[in-house]
Amino acid sequence: MGAIEDYAALVEAVEFQRERLQGPLRPDIWGGEIAKRFRADPKREMDDNFQVLASFVRPDDVFVDVGGGAGRLSLPMALRCRHAINVDPSSGMGQEFQESMAEAGIANASFVLSDWQDMDGAQGGTQGDVVHAANVTYYVRDIDRFAAKLEASASRRVIITLWSVPSPMLNAVLFKMVYGEEQAVVPGHAQLLPALWEMGILPDVRFLPQVTTFDGVPVPPNYPQSKDDAVEMASAGIWLATHHRDRGEAVVRENFQELFEECPEGFVPQWLPDAREVLITWEPGNPSQHGDNHG
């Protein structure tokens, strides 16, 4: 099989395992409390990684954020460009986006409720100067069609950001504790890059700073301050099915000493792997970034 087929096989294996162990997905899996966790103040002081992303965006640009969720990136970007468009299939994320936008007094942003893959390429609102997708490619089976659509919708630049350890695998240790088997491998940059190369796309790749900093000064993370908060933190996210939450919390409490180290800063999680944000970017139609196979 080629790289694109290999990528699809990994996504299918992840979906098969999830349905086998957890059952069908509930409607709008990213809505509700999960959507609230993805919301952030658009006027907050942004970290270094955001500044790198923002350096590609000009004041007169239209910035399209594919799978932009509650607007953690697109709303701050709206303060730096002409217009920001968030395309996301979750109505719960859309609600958080709209509320955050209103509270911040942002008028030059919009939300399009749609799966990127399902949108008609000629539909209004999908075109932009810079088209960006953060932490979306992990879930995309038809990665070639997805990437081609990003490129067709961008007049100047395509940007994909993801983590060196795919976000859905950050809790792989907990997954194995709860479900009794290794989590299926979620495709990351190591699988995405060969798929892009197979398409004839030769992007620039950059590993961004690992630590969060403000104005160059490292900022310590906020650790849980109580055991209950630590258990809640470990049980949060989509790795654990909602109907398995009690089971998950029980497993975390049983293994608490192994999973957390108590320090003056709080309870520090020990299972989380080190990861860095990966920025993958190219200019649409640039011959220097496309090989002979790209059509």
Protein backbone atom coordinates (compact mmCIF):
# COMPACT_ATOMS: atom_id res chain seq x y z
CA MET A 1 0.00 0.00 0.00
CA GLY A 2 1.02 3.59 -0.48
CA ALA A 3 1.30 6.25 2.22
CA ILE A 4 -2.22 7.58 1.59
CA GLU A 5 -3.72 4.08 1.89
CA ASP A 6 -1.66 3.40 5.01
CA TYR A 7 -3.01 6.59 6.54
CA ALA A 8 -6.61 5.59 5.83
CA ALA A 9 -6.02 2.15 7.33
CA LEU A 10 -4.79 3.68 10.59
CA VAL A 11 -7.84 5.94 10.88
CA GLU A 12 -10.14 2.99 10.16
CA ALA A 13 -8.40 0.89 12.85
CA VAL A 14 -8.84 3.68 15.41
CA GLU A 15 -12.54 4.00 14.57
CA PHE A 16 -13.05 0.23 14.70
CA GLN A 17 -11.41 -0.05 18.12
CA ARG A 18 -13.38 2.87 19.52
CA GLU A 19 -16.73 1.49 18.36
CA ARG A 20 -15.86 -2.02 19.59
CA LEU A 21 -14.87 -0.83 23.08
CA GLN A 22 -17.09 2.21 23.53
CA GLY A 23 -20.06 1.78 21.19
CA PRO A 24 -21.43 4.33 18.71
CA LEU A 25 -20.42 7.95 19.17
CA ARG A 26 -22.98 10.16 20.83
CA PRO A 27 -24.29 13.09 18.77
CA ASP A 28 -21.96 16.10 18.74
CA ILE A 29 -19.19 14.39 20.71
CA TRP A 30 -17.30 17.71 20.86
CA GLY A 31 -20.22 19.63 22.37
CA GLY A 32 -21.24 20.26 25.96
CA GLU A 33 -18.55 20.32 28.64
CA ILE A 34 -15.83 19.37 26.16
CA ALA A 35 -16.60 22.46 24.07
CA LYS A 36 -16.34 24.65 27.17
CA ARG A 37 -12.84 23.25 27.84
CA PHE A 38 -11.77 24.39 24.35
CA ARG A 39 -12.86 27.98 24.91
CA ALA A 40 -10.36 30.72 25.76
CA ASP A 41 -10.34 34.51 26.03
CA PRO A 42 -9.61 35.89 22.53
CA LYS A 43 -7.78 38.85 24.08
CA ARG A 44 -5.50 36.76 26.27
CA GLU A 45 -1.76 37.15 25.96
CA MET A 46 -0.83 34.65 23.26
CA ASP A 47 2.05 32.21 23.52
CA ASP A 48 5.05 31.87 21.23
CA ASN A 49 3.52 29.12 19.10
CA PHE A 50 0.57 31.35 18.21
CA GLN A 51 2.95 34.15 17.27
CA VAL A 52 4.67 31.83 14.80
CA LEU A 53 1.30 30.99 13.24
CA ALA A 54 0.26 34.66 13.20
CA SER A 55 3.46 35.60 11.35
CA PHE A 56 1.98 34.00 8.21
CA VAL A 57 -1.19 36.13 8.40
CA ARG A 58 -1.38 39.69 7.07
CA PRO A 59 -3.72 42.44 8.33
CA ASP A 60 -5.84 42.35 5.14
CA ASP A 61 -6.14 38.54 5.05
CA VAL A 62 -9.15 36.27 5.35
CA PHE A 63 -8.11 33.47 7.70
CA VAL A 64 -10.01 30.17 7.48
CA ASP A 65 -9.71 27.84 10.47
CA VAL A 66 -10.82 24.31 9.56
CA GLY A 67 -12.17 22.46 12.60
CA GLY A 68 -11.55 25.58 14.66
CA GLY A 69 -13.82 24.49 17.52
CA ALA A 70 -14.62 27.18 20.08
CA GLY A 71 -12.32 29.70 18.40
CA ARG A 72 -9.19 29.44 20.53
CA LEU A 73 -7.11 30.34 17.46
CA SER A 74 -9.51 31.95 14.99
CA LEU A 75 -10.88 34.60 17.38
CA PRO A 76 -7.45 35.91 18.45
CA MET A 77 -6.50 35.81 14.76
CA ALA A 78 -9.57 37.93 13.93
CA LEU A 79 -7.97 40.69 16.00
CA ARG A 80 -4.98 40.55 13.64
CA CYS A 81 -6.60 40.18 10.20
CA ARG A 82 -9.54 41.38 8.08
CA HIS A 83 -11.84 38.42 8.75
CA ALA A 84 -11.64 34.97 10.37
CA ILE A 85 -13.89 32.08 9.35
CA ASN A 86 -14.28 29.02 11.56
CA VAL A 87 -15.59 25.90 9.80
CA ASP A 88 -16.57 23.20 12.30
CA PRO A 89 -19.22 20.42 12.42
CA SER A 90 -19.97 20.78 16.16
CA SER A 91 -22.96 22.92 17.11
CA GLY A 92 -21.71 22.89 20.72
CA MET A 93 -18.38 24.35 19.62
CA GLY A 94 -20.29 26.86 17.52
CA GLN A 95 -22.26 28.03 20.55
CA GLU A 96 -19.07 28.58 22.55
CA PHE A 97 -17.53 30.39 19.57
CA GLN A 98 -20.48 32.75 19.20
CA GLU A 99 -20.61 33.51 22.92
CA SER A 100 -16.87 34.12 23.13
CA MET A 101 -16.99 36.32 20.04
CA ALA A 102 -19.83 38.41 21.48
CA GLU A 103 -18.19 38.78 24.89
CA ALA A 104 -14.96 39.97 23.27
CA GLY A 105 -16.79 42.40 20.98
CA ILE A 106 -15.36 40.83 17.84
CA ALA A 107 -17.36 41.64 14.69
CA ASN A 108 -15.07 40.34 11.93
CA ALA A 109 -15.43 36.60 12.52
CA SER A 110 -17.98 34.03 11.46
CA PHE A 111 -18.85 30.40 12.16
CA VAL A 112 -19.84 27.90 9.45
CA LEU A 113 -21.50 24.75 10.83
CA SER A 114 -20.19 22.06 8.50
CA ASP A 115 -17.73 19.23 8.13
CA TRP A 116 -14.93 20.50 5.89
CA GLN A 117 -15.11 17.38 3.74
CA ASP A 118 -18.83 17.79 3.15
CA MET A 119 -18.71 21.40 1.98
CA ASP A 120 -19.17 22.25 -1.68
CA GLY A 121 -15.93 23.79 -2.87
CA ALA A 122 -17.87 26.62 -4.47
CA GLN A 123 -19.85 27.38 -1.31
CA GLY A 124 -19.33 30.87 0.02
CA GLY A 125 -17.16 31.28 3.08
CA THR A 126 -14.66 28.51 2.29
CA GLN A 127 -12.09 30.65 0.47
CA GLY A 128 -9.33 32.48 2.28
CA ASP A 129 -5.82 33.83 1.94
CA VAL A 130 -4.56 31.49 4.66
CA VAL A 131 -6.32 28.19 5.40
CA HIS A 132 -5.35 26.42 8.60
CA ALA A 133 -6.25 23.13 10.31
CA ALA A 134 -5.10 22.41 13.87
CA ASN A 135 -5.32 18.92 15.37
CA VAL A 136 -7.84 17.80 12.75
CA THR A 137 -5.85 15.46 10.53
CA TYR A 138 -5.78 12.73 13.19
CA TYR A 139 -9.43 11.96 12.40
CA VAL A 140 -9.41 12.32 8.59
CA ARG A 141 -9.58 9.08 6.64
CA ASP A 142 -9.34 10.59 3.15
CA ILE A 143 -6.28 12.69 3.90
CA ASP A 144 -5.49 13.32 0.23
CA ARG A 145 -8.95 14.80 -0.43
CA PHE A 146 -8.73 16.83 2.77
CA ALA A 147 -5.32 18.31 1.93
CA ALA A 148 -6.34 19.00 -1.67
CA LYS A 149 -9.40 20.90 -0.42
CA LEU A 150 -7.24 22.96 1.95
CA GLU A 151 -5.02 23.89 -0.98
CA ALA A 152 -7.90 24.68 -3.33
CA SER A 153 -9.40 27.02 -0.73
CA ALA A 154 -6.19 28.96 0.04
CA SER A 155 -4.94 31.75 -2.20
CA ARG A 156 -1.58 32.14 -0.49
CA ARG A 157 -0.81 29.56 2.20
CA VAL A 158 -1.94 26.27 3.74
CA ILE A 159 -0.98 25.52 7.35
CA ILE A 160 -1.51 22.27 9.25
CA THR A 161 -0.57 22.11 12.91
CA LEU A 162 -0.55 18.98 15.06
CA TRP A 163 1.44 17.52 17.93
CA SER A 164 4.47 15.24 17.70
CA VAL A 165 2.46 12.86 19.89
CA PRO A 166 -1.05 13.03 18.39
CA SER A 167 -3.43 14.66 20.84
CA PRO A 168 -5.82 11.66 20.93
CA MET A 169 -2.90 9.51 22.15
CA LEU A 170 -1.77 11.68 25.06
CA ASN A 171 -3.78 9.47 27.41
CA ALA A 172 -2.71 6.14 25.88
CA VAL A 173 -1.46 4.93 29.28
CA LEU A 174 -4.86 5.62 30.85
CA PHE A 175 -6.63 4.04 27.87
CA LYS A 176 -4.77 0.78 28.40
CA MET A 177 -5.51 0.83 32.14
CA VAL A 178 -9.24 1.27 31.56
CA TYR A 179 -9.79 -0.83 28.42
CA GLY A 180 -7.13 -3.49 28.89
CA GLU A 181 -5.44 -3.12 25.51
CA GLU A 182 -3.08 -0.79 23.68
CA GLN A 183 -4.73 2.18 22.03
CA ALA A 184 -4.75 1.94 18.24
CA VAL A 185 -2.14 4.19 16.64
CA VAL A 186 -3.50 7.58 15.63
CA PRO A 187 -1.71 8.99 12.57
CA GLY A 188 0.52 11.97 13.26
CA HIS A 189 3.16 13.92 11.37
CA ALA A 190 5.20 10.76 10.71
CA GLN A 191 2.30 9.39 8.63
CA LEU A 192 0.99 12.72 7.30
CA LEU A 193 4.22 13.86 5.68
CA PRO A 194 4.64 10.74 3.47
CA ALA A 195 1.01 11.09 2.39
CA LEU A 196 1.62 14.72 1.38
CA TRP A 197 4.82 13.73 -0.42
CA GLU A 198 2.86 11.06 -2.28
CA MET A 199 0.52 13.85 -3.43
CA GLY A 200 3.53 15.78 -4.68
CA ILE A 201 3.34 18.33 -1.87
CA LEU A 202 6.73 19.15 -0.33
CA PRO A 203 5.92 21.33 2.68
CA ASP A 204 8.11 23.24 5.07
CA VAL A 205 8.15 21.58 8.50
CA ARG A 206 8.95 23.27 11.79
CA PHE A 207 8.89 21.98 15.35
CA LEU A 208 7.68 24.80 17.56
CA PRO A 209 8.81 25.61 21.12
CA GLN A 210 7.86 22.90 23.58
CA VAL A 211 7.12 25.11 26.57
CA THR A 212 4.46 27.79 26.79
CA THR A 213 6.01 31.23 27.12
CA PHE A 214 4.81 34.82 27.31
CA ASP A 215 7.27 37.39 25.97
CA GLY A 216 9.98 34.74 26.09
CA VAL A 217 9.43 33.92 29.77
CA PRO A 218 8.38 30.28 30.46
CA VAL A 219 5.05 29.98 32.23
CA PRO A 220 4.56 27.00 34.56
CA PRO A 221 1.49 24.87 33.85
CA ASN A 222 -1.47 24.88 36.20
CA TYR A 223 -1.55 21.52 37.98
CA PRO A 224 -4.55 20.16 39.91
CA GLN A 225 -4.49 21.26 43.53
CA SER A 226 -6.51 18.39 45.00
CA LYS A 227 -6.83 14.65 44.40
CA ASP A 228 -10.42 15.06 43.22
CA ASP A 229 -9.36 17.69 40.71
CA ALA A 230 -6.53 15.41 39.56
CA VAL A 231 -8.93 12.52 38.98
CA GLU A 232 -11.29 14.82 37.10
CA MET A 233 -8.44 16.05 34.90
CA ALA A 234 -7.35 12.51 34.04
CA SER A 235 -10.91 11.46 33.20
CA ALA A 236 -11.66 14.44 30.96
CA GLY A 237 -11.60 14.36 27.16
CA ILE A 238 -12.91 12.05 24.47
CA TRP A 239 -10.48 9.18 25.17
CA LEU A 240 -12.97 7.93 27.78
CA ALA A 241 -16.56 7.25 26.75
CA THR A 242 -19.13 9.19 28.78
CA HIS A 243 -20.80 5.98 29.95
CA HIS A 244 -17.41 4.66 31.17
CA ARG A 245 -16.58 7.72 33.26
CA ASP A 246 -17.25 6.03 36.63
CA ARG A 247 -15.09 3.11 35.58
CA GLY A 248 -12.33 5.45 34.43
CA GLU A 249 -12.34 7.47 37.62
CA ALA A 250 -12.13 4.28 39.68
CA VAL A 251 -9.08 3.11 37.71
CA VAL A 252 -7.38 6.48 38.14
CA ARG A 253 -7.99 6.43 41.91
CA GLU A 254 -6.64 2.87 42.17
CA ASN A 255 -3.45 3.88 40.34
CA PHE A 256 -3.19 7.41 41.70
CA GLN A 257 0.31 7.04 43.20
CA GLU A 258 1.64 5.82 39.87
CA LEU A 259 -0.16 8.42 37.81
CA PHE A 260 0.53 11.56 39.84
CA GLU A 261 3.43 13.00 41.80
CA GLU A 262 2.53 15.45 44.53
CA CYS A 263 4.71 18.56 44.37
CA PRO A 264 4.46 22.08 45.82
CA GLU A 265 2.92 23.15 42.48
CA GLY A 266 0.16 20.55 42.79
CA PHE A 267 -0.42 17.04 41.48
CA VAL A 268 1.81 16.55 38.44
CA PRO A 269 0.65 13.94 35.86
CA GLN A 270 3.35 11.35 35.17
CA TRP A 271 1.81 9.54 32.19
CA LEU A 272 1.77 12.41 29.72
CA PRO A 273 4.48 12.13 27.05
CA ASP A 274 6.67 15.04 26.01
CA ALA A 275 5.29 16.55 22.82
CA ARG A 276 6.02 19.52 20.59
CA GLU A 277 3.73 21.29 18.17
CA VAL A 278 4.54 20.61 14.53
CA LEU A 279 3.83 23.24 11.87
CA ILE A 280 3.49 21.98 8.29
CA THR A 281 2.99 24.63 5.63
CA TRP A 282 3.19 25.23 1.90
CA GLU A 283 2.18 27.74 -0.75
CA PRO A 284 -0.58 26.49 -3.07
CA GLY A 285 0.66 25.97 -6.59
CA ASN A 286 4.28 26.79 -5.75
CA PRO A 287 6.36 24.57 -8.07
CA SER A 288 9.21 24.45 -5.54
CA GLN A 289 6.87 22.81 -3.03
CA HIS A 290 5.16 20.40 -5.42
CA GLY A 291 6.56 17.34 -7.11
CA ASP A 292 5.64 15.87 -10.47
CA ASN A 293 2.85 13.71 -8.99
CA HIS A 294 0.69 16.62 -7.90
CA GLY A 295 -2.24 17.26 -10.20
